[in-house]
Amino acid sequence: MPKGNGNIQLQRKKPENKNHTTSDFRSYLEEVKAYFEEKEDHELDQEFLSYIRDDLMQEFNLNHTEAEEMIQKSIIIKLLKDNPDYVYHYDAEYWAKSIFSSQMSQHSLT
């Protein structure tokens, strides 16, 4: 997978031979496309998580650290990786309420 730096410049391995085929070029283009799609998905996920954090802070009077800890302890990050369509089906307010109630019920059991 190509790597990007702050300027989003791609670095690729030097080919062993100088004979490039169309297949090699397509393969490289697919890697570039996958890299940017993954980067875009990650940025969208981070933005969505920030909305959840903001809702936790507003709805439940939490500070930034408390809201972030609740998100990290929840299942939302795993769900974003495993089933993003399910997560994005609901809005940030729904997830904030779900995370809060889930963690409050866990605290009441201990």
N, C-alpha and C. Protein backbone atom coordinates (compact mmCIF):
# COMPACT_ATOMS: atom_id res chain seq x y z
N MET A 1 0.86 -1.17 0.00
CA MET A 1 0.00 0.00 0.00
C MET A 1 0.90 1.23 0.00
N PRO A 2 0.62 2.18 -0.88
CA PRO A 2 1.43 3.39 -0.90
C PRO A 2 1.24 4.18 0.38
N LYS A 3 2.23 4.94 0.71
CA LYS A 3 2.16 5.76 1.91
C LYS A 3 2.15 7.22 1.51
N GLY A 4 1.47 8.03 2.29
CA GLY A 4 1.41 9.46 2.00
C GLY A 4 2.07 10.24 3.11
N ASN A 5 2.64 11.36 2.76
CA ASN A 5 3.16 12.23 3.81
C ASN A 5 2.25 13.44 3.91
N GLY A 6 2.65 14.47 4.58
CA GLY A 6 1.81 15.63 4.78
C GLY A 6 1.35 16.28 3.48
N ASN A 7 2.11 16.11 2.43
CA ASN A 7 1.74 16.68 1.13
C ASN A 7 0.98 15.71 0.26
N ILE A 8 0.63 14.56 0.81
CA ILE A 8 -0.09 13.50 0.11
C ILE A 8 0.66 13.10 -1.15
N GLN A 9 1.96 13.02 -1.05
CA GLN A 9 2.75 12.52 -2.16
C GLN A 9 2.89 11.02 -1.97
N LEU A 10 2.73 10.29 -3.04
CA LEU A 10 2.83 8.84 -2.94
C LEU A 10 4.26 8.40 -3.16
N GLN A 11 4.64 7.44 -2.38
CA GLN A 11 5.96 6.85 -2.53
C GLN A 11 5.74 5.42 -2.97
N ARG A 12 6.42 5.00 -4.00
CA ARG A 12 6.26 3.63 -4.43
C ARG A 12 7.61 2.98 -4.57
N LYS A 13 7.59 1.67 -4.52
CA LYS A 13 8.82 0.91 -4.62
C LYS A 13 9.38 1.01 -6.03
N LYS A 14 10.71 1.00 -6.11
CA LYS A 14 11.37 0.98 -7.41
C LYS A 14 11.19 -0.39 -8.03
N PRO A 15 10.75 -0.45 -9.26
CA PRO A 15 10.56 -1.75 -9.90
C PRO A 15 11.89 -2.45 -10.15
N GLU A 16 11.83 -3.75 -10.10
CA GLU A 16 13.02 -4.57 -10.35
C GLU A 16 13.47 -4.43 -11.81
N ASN A 17 12.50 -4.48 -12.71
CA ASN A 17 12.85 -4.33 -14.12
C ASN A 17 12.21 -3.07 -14.67
N LYS A 18 12.65 -2.65 -15.80
CA LYS A 18 12.15 -1.41 -16.41
C LYS A 18 10.97 -1.67 -17.33
N ASN A 19 10.59 -2.92 -17.55
CA ASN A 19 9.48 -3.25 -18.44
C ASN A 19 8.18 -3.22 -17.65
N HIS A 20 7.42 -2.17 -17.85
CA HIS A 20 6.14 -2.04 -17.16
C HIS A 20 5.03 -2.50 -18.08
N THR A 21 4.13 -3.24 -17.51
CA THR A 21 2.99 -3.70 -18.29
C THR A 21 1.77 -2.90 -17.90
N THR A 22 0.76 -3.00 -18.71
CA THR A 22 -0.51 -2.35 -18.40
C THR A 22 -1.05 -2.89 -17.08
N SER A 23 -0.85 -4.17 -16.87
CA SER A 23 -1.32 -4.80 -15.63
C SER A 23 -0.62 -4.18 -14.41
N ASP A 24 0.69 -3.94 -14.53
CA ASP A 24 1.43 -3.30 -13.43
C ASP A 24 0.87 -1.91 -13.15
N PHE A 25 0.62 -1.18 -14.21
CA PHE A 25 0.09 0.17 -14.05
C PHE A 25 -1.30 0.15 -13.42
N ARG A 26 -2.16 -0.74 -13.87
CA ARG A 26 -3.50 -0.85 -13.29
C ARG A 26 -3.43 -1.25 -11.82
N SER A 27 -2.52 -2.15 -11.52
CA SER A 27 -2.35 -2.58 -10.14
C SER A 27 -1.95 -1.39 -9.26
N TYR A 28 -1.02 -0.60 -9.75
CA TYR A 28 -0.58 0.57 -9.01
C TYR A 28 -1.73 1.56 -8.84
N LEU A 29 -2.51 1.79 -9.90
CA LEU A 29 -3.65 2.70 -9.81
C LEU A 29 -4.68 2.21 -8.80
N GLU A 30 -4.90 0.91 -8.74
CA GLU A 30 -5.82 0.34 -7.76
C GLU A 30 -5.32 0.58 -6.34
N GLU A 31 -4.02 0.45 -6.13
CA GLU A 31 -3.44 0.72 -4.81
C GLU A 31 -3.63 2.18 -4.43
N VAL A 32 -3.40 3.08 -5.37
CA VAL A 32 -3.56 4.52 -5.12
C VAL A 32 -5.02 4.82 -4.78
N LYS A 33 -5.93 4.27 -5.57
CA LYS A 33 -7.36 4.48 -5.34
C LYS A 33 -7.77 3.97 -3.96
N ALA A 34 -7.33 2.76 -3.61
CA ALA A 34 -7.66 2.17 -2.32
C ALA A 34 -7.10 3.01 -1.18
N TYR A 35 -5.89 3.52 -1.35
CA TYR A 35 -5.27 4.36 -0.33
C TYR A 35 -6.13 5.59 -0.04
N PHE A 36 -6.54 6.30 -1.10
CA PHE A 36 -7.31 7.52 -0.89
C PHE A 36 -8.72 7.24 -0.42
N GLU A 37 -9.32 6.14 -0.85
CA GLU A 37 -10.64 5.78 -0.35
C GLU A 37 -10.58 5.46 1.13
N GLU A 38 -9.55 4.73 1.54
CA GLU A 38 -9.38 4.40 2.96
C GLU A 38 -9.15 5.67 3.78
N LYS A 39 -8.33 6.57 3.25
CA LYS A 39 -8.04 7.83 3.94
C LYS A 39 -9.33 8.65 4.07
N GLU A 40 -10.12 8.71 3.00
CA GLU A 40 -11.36 9.46 3.04
C GLU A 40 -12.35 8.84 4.02
N ASP A 41 -12.47 7.52 4.00
CA ASP A 41 -13.36 6.84 4.94
C ASP A 41 -12.94 7.13 6.38
N HIS A 42 -11.64 7.07 6.65
CA HIS A 42 -11.14 7.33 8.01
C HIS A 42 -11.47 8.76 8.44
N GLU A 43 -11.30 9.72 7.54
CA GLU A 43 -11.59 11.11 7.87
C GLU A 43 -13.09 11.30 8.13
N LEU A 44 -13.94 10.65 7.33
CA LEU A 44 -15.38 10.74 7.55
C LEU A 44 -15.77 10.11 8.89
N ASP A 45 -15.16 8.97 9.20
CA ASP A 45 -15.43 8.33 10.48
C ASP A 45 -15.03 9.22 11.64
N GLN A 46 -13.86 9.86 11.53
CA GLN A 46 -13.40 10.75 12.60
C GLN A 46 -14.34 11.94 12.76
N GLU A 47 -14.83 12.46 11.65
CA GLU A 47 -15.77 13.57 11.72
C GLU A 47 -17.07 13.13 12.40
N PHE A 48 -17.57 11.95 12.04
CA PHE A 48 -18.80 11.44 12.64
C PHE A 48 -18.61 11.21 14.14
N LEU A 49 -17.46 10.65 14.52
CA LEU A 49 -17.16 10.45 15.95
C LEU A 49 -17.10 11.78 16.69
N SER A 50 -16.61 12.81 16.04
CA SER A 50 -16.57 14.13 16.70
C SER A 50 -17.98 14.66 16.93
N TYR A 51 -18.92 14.37 16.01
CA TYR A 51 -20.31 14.77 16.21
C TYR A 51 -20.92 14.01 17.41
N ILE A 52 -20.59 12.74 17.51
CA ILE A 52 -21.07 11.95 18.65
C ILE A 52 -20.51 12.52 19.94
N ARG A 53 -19.22 12.82 19.94
CA ARG A 53 -18.58 13.40 21.13
C ARG A 53 -19.25 14.72 21.50
N ASP A 54 -19.51 15.57 20.51
CA ASP A 54 -20.17 16.86 20.78
C ASP A 54 -21.56 16.65 21.38
N ASP A 55 -22.29 15.68 20.83
CA ASP A 55 -23.63 15.39 21.37
C ASP A 55 -23.56 14.86 22.79
N LEU A 56 -22.58 14.02 23.08
CA LEU A 56 -22.40 13.53 24.45
C LEU A 56 -22.13 14.70 25.40
N MET A 57 -21.31 15.63 24.95
CA MET A 57 -20.96 16.77 25.79
C MET A 57 -22.18 17.67 26.04
N GLN A 58 -22.96 17.91 25.01
CA GLN A 58 -24.11 18.80 25.13
C GLN A 58 -25.26 18.15 25.88
N GLU A 59 -25.60 16.91 25.50
CA GLU A 59 -26.77 16.23 26.08
C GLU A 59 -26.57 15.83 27.53
N PHE A 60 -25.35 15.41 27.86
CA PHE A 60 -25.12 14.81 29.17
C PHE A 60 -24.12 15.59 30.02
N ASN A 61 -23.82 16.81 29.59
CA ASN A 61 -22.97 17.71 30.36
C ASN A 61 -21.61 17.07 30.70
N LEU A 62 -21.00 16.45 29.71
CA LEU A 62 -19.68 15.84 29.88
C LEU A 62 -18.62 16.78 29.34
N ASN A 63 -17.41 16.66 29.87
CA ASN A 63 -16.32 17.41 29.26
C ASN A 63 -15.74 16.60 28.10
N HIS A 64 -14.84 17.20 27.38
CA HIS A 64 -14.25 16.57 26.18
C HIS A 64 -13.63 15.22 26.50
N THR A 65 -12.86 15.16 27.57
CA THR A 65 -12.16 13.93 27.96
C THR A 65 -13.15 12.82 28.32
N GLU A 66 -14.16 13.16 29.10
CA GLU A 66 -15.17 12.16 29.49
C GLU A 66 -15.90 11.60 28.28
N ALA A 67 -16.29 12.50 27.37
CA ALA A 67 -17.00 12.06 26.17
C ALA A 67 -16.10 11.18 25.31
N GLU A 68 -14.86 11.56 25.17
CA GLU A 68 -13.91 10.77 24.36
C GLU A 68 -13.69 9.39 24.98
N GLU A 69 -13.58 9.33 26.30
CA GLU A 69 -13.41 8.04 26.99
C GLU A 69 -14.63 7.14 26.77
N MET A 70 -15.81 7.73 26.81
CA MET A 70 -17.02 6.93 26.58
C MET A 70 -17.02 6.34 25.17
N ILE A 71 -16.62 7.14 24.21
CA ILE A 71 -16.57 6.66 22.82
C ILE A 71 -15.55 5.53 22.70
N GLN A 72 -14.39 5.72 23.31
CA GLN A 72 -13.34 4.70 23.22
C GLN A 72 -13.74 3.39 23.90
N LYS A 73 -14.52 3.47 24.96
CA LYS A 73 -14.96 2.27 25.67
C LYS A 73 -16.15 1.59 24.99
N SER A 74 -16.79 2.29 24.09
CA SER A 74 -17.99 1.75 23.44
C SER A 74 -17.62 0.86 22.26
N ILE A 75 -18.64 0.32 21.65
CA ILE A 75 -18.47 -0.56 20.50
C ILE A 75 -18.51 0.20 19.17
N ILE A 76 -18.72 1.50 19.22
CA ILE A 76 -18.93 2.28 18.00
C ILE A 76 -17.76 2.21 17.03
N ILE A 77 -16.54 2.23 17.52
CA ILE A 77 -15.37 2.21 16.62
C ILE A 77 -15.27 0.87 15.90
N LYS A 78 -15.52 -0.22 16.63
CA LYS A 78 -15.51 -1.54 16.00
C LYS A 78 -16.63 -1.64 14.97
N LEU A 79 -17.80 -1.11 15.32
CA LEU A 79 -18.91 -1.13 14.37
C LEU A 79 -18.61 -0.31 13.11
N LEU A 80 -17.92 0.80 13.27
CA LEU A 80 -17.56 1.60 12.09
C LEU A 80 -16.68 0.81 11.13
N LYS A 81 -15.80 -0.01 11.68
CA LYS A 81 -14.92 -0.82 10.83
C LYS A 81 -15.66 -2.00 10.23
N ASP A 82 -16.49 -2.66 11.05
CA ASP A 82 -17.13 -3.91 10.62
C ASP A 82 -18.43 -3.69 9.84
N ASN A 83 -19.18 -2.66 10.20
CA ASN A 83 -20.49 -2.48 9.59
C ASN A 83 -20.83 -0.98 9.49
N PRO A 84 -20.09 -0.25 8.66
CA PRO A 84 -20.32 1.20 8.60
C PRO A 84 -21.71 1.59 8.13
N ASP A 85 -22.33 0.78 7.27
CA ASP A 85 -23.68 1.10 6.80
C ASP A 85 -24.66 1.13 7.97
N TYR A 86 -24.51 0.21 8.89
CA TYR A 86 -25.38 0.17 10.07
C TYR A 86 -25.17 1.43 10.92
N VAL A 87 -23.91 1.78 11.14
CA VAL A 87 -23.61 2.96 11.97
C VAL A 87 -24.17 4.22 11.34
N TYR A 88 -23.92 4.40 10.05
CA TYR A 88 -24.35 5.63 9.38
C TYR A 88 -25.85 5.67 9.12
N HIS A 89 -26.51 4.57 9.35
CA HIS A 89 -27.98 4.55 9.22
C HIS A 89 -28.62 5.42 10.30
N TYR A 90 -27.95 5.56 11.42
CA TYR A 90 -28.44 6.37 12.54
C TYR A 90 -27.61 7.65 12.66
N ASP A 91 -28.20 8.68 13.26
CA ASP A 91 -27.47 9.93 13.41
C ASP A 91 -26.62 9.93 14.68
N ALA A 92 -25.78 10.95 14.79
CA ALA A 92 -24.85 11.05 15.91
C ALA A 92 -25.58 11.15 17.24
N GLU A 93 -26.71 11.82 17.26
CA GLU A 93 -27.47 11.95 18.51
C GLU A 93 -27.92 10.58 19.02
N TYR A 94 -28.37 9.72 18.10
CA TYR A 94 -28.76 8.36 18.48
C TYR A 94 -27.59 7.62 19.12
N TRP A 95 -26.42 7.70 18.49
CA TRP A 95 -25.26 6.98 19.02
C TRP A 95 -24.80 7.56 20.34
N ALA A 96 -24.90 8.87 20.51
CA ALA A 96 -24.51 9.48 21.79
C ALA A 96 -25.41 8.96 22.91
N LYS A 97 -26.71 8.92 22.65
CA LYS A 97 -27.65 8.40 23.66
C LYS A 97 -27.40 6.92 23.93
N SER A 98 -27.14 6.17 22.88
CA SER A 98 -26.89 4.74 23.02
C SER A 98 -25.62 4.47 23.83
N ILE A 99 -24.57 5.19 23.51
CA ILE A 99 -23.29 5.02 24.22
C ILE A 99 -23.47 5.40 25.69
N PHE A 100 -24.11 6.53 25.94
CA PHE A 100 -24.29 6.98 27.32
C PHE A 100 -25.12 5.99 28.12
N SER A 101 -26.25 5.56 27.58
CA SER A 101 -27.12 4.65 28.34
C SER A 101 -26.44 3.29 28.54
N SER A 102 -25.71 2.84 27.56
CA SER A 102 -24.99 1.57 27.68
C SER A 102 -23.95 1.65 28.80
N GLN A 103 -23.21 2.71 28.83
CA GLN A 103 -22.16 2.83 29.85
C GLN A 103 -22.73 3.12 31.23
N MET A 104 -23.82 3.83 31.29
CA MET A 104 -24.45 4.06 32.59
C MET A 104 -25.03 2.75 33.15
N SER A 105 -25.58 1.93 32.28
CA SER A 105 -26.12 0.64 32.78
C SER A 105 -24.99 -0.27 33.22
N GLN A 106 -23.84 -0.20 32.57
CA GLN A 106 -22.68 -0.99 33.00
C GLN A 106 -22.17 -0.53 34.36
N HIS A 107 -22.19 0.78 34.59
CA HIS A 107 -21.75 1.31 35.89
C HIS A 107 -22.70 0.94 37.00
N SER A 108 -23.97 0.86 36.71
CA SER A 108 -24.93 0.52 37.75
C SER A 108 -24.84 -0.96 38.12
N LEU A 109 -24.31 -1.79 37.21
CA LEU A 109 -24.16 -3.21 37.50
C LEU A 109 -22.93 -3.49 38.36
N THR A 110 -21.97 -2.57 38.34
CA THR A 110 -20.74 -2.81 39.12
C THR A 110 -20.79 -2.15 40.46
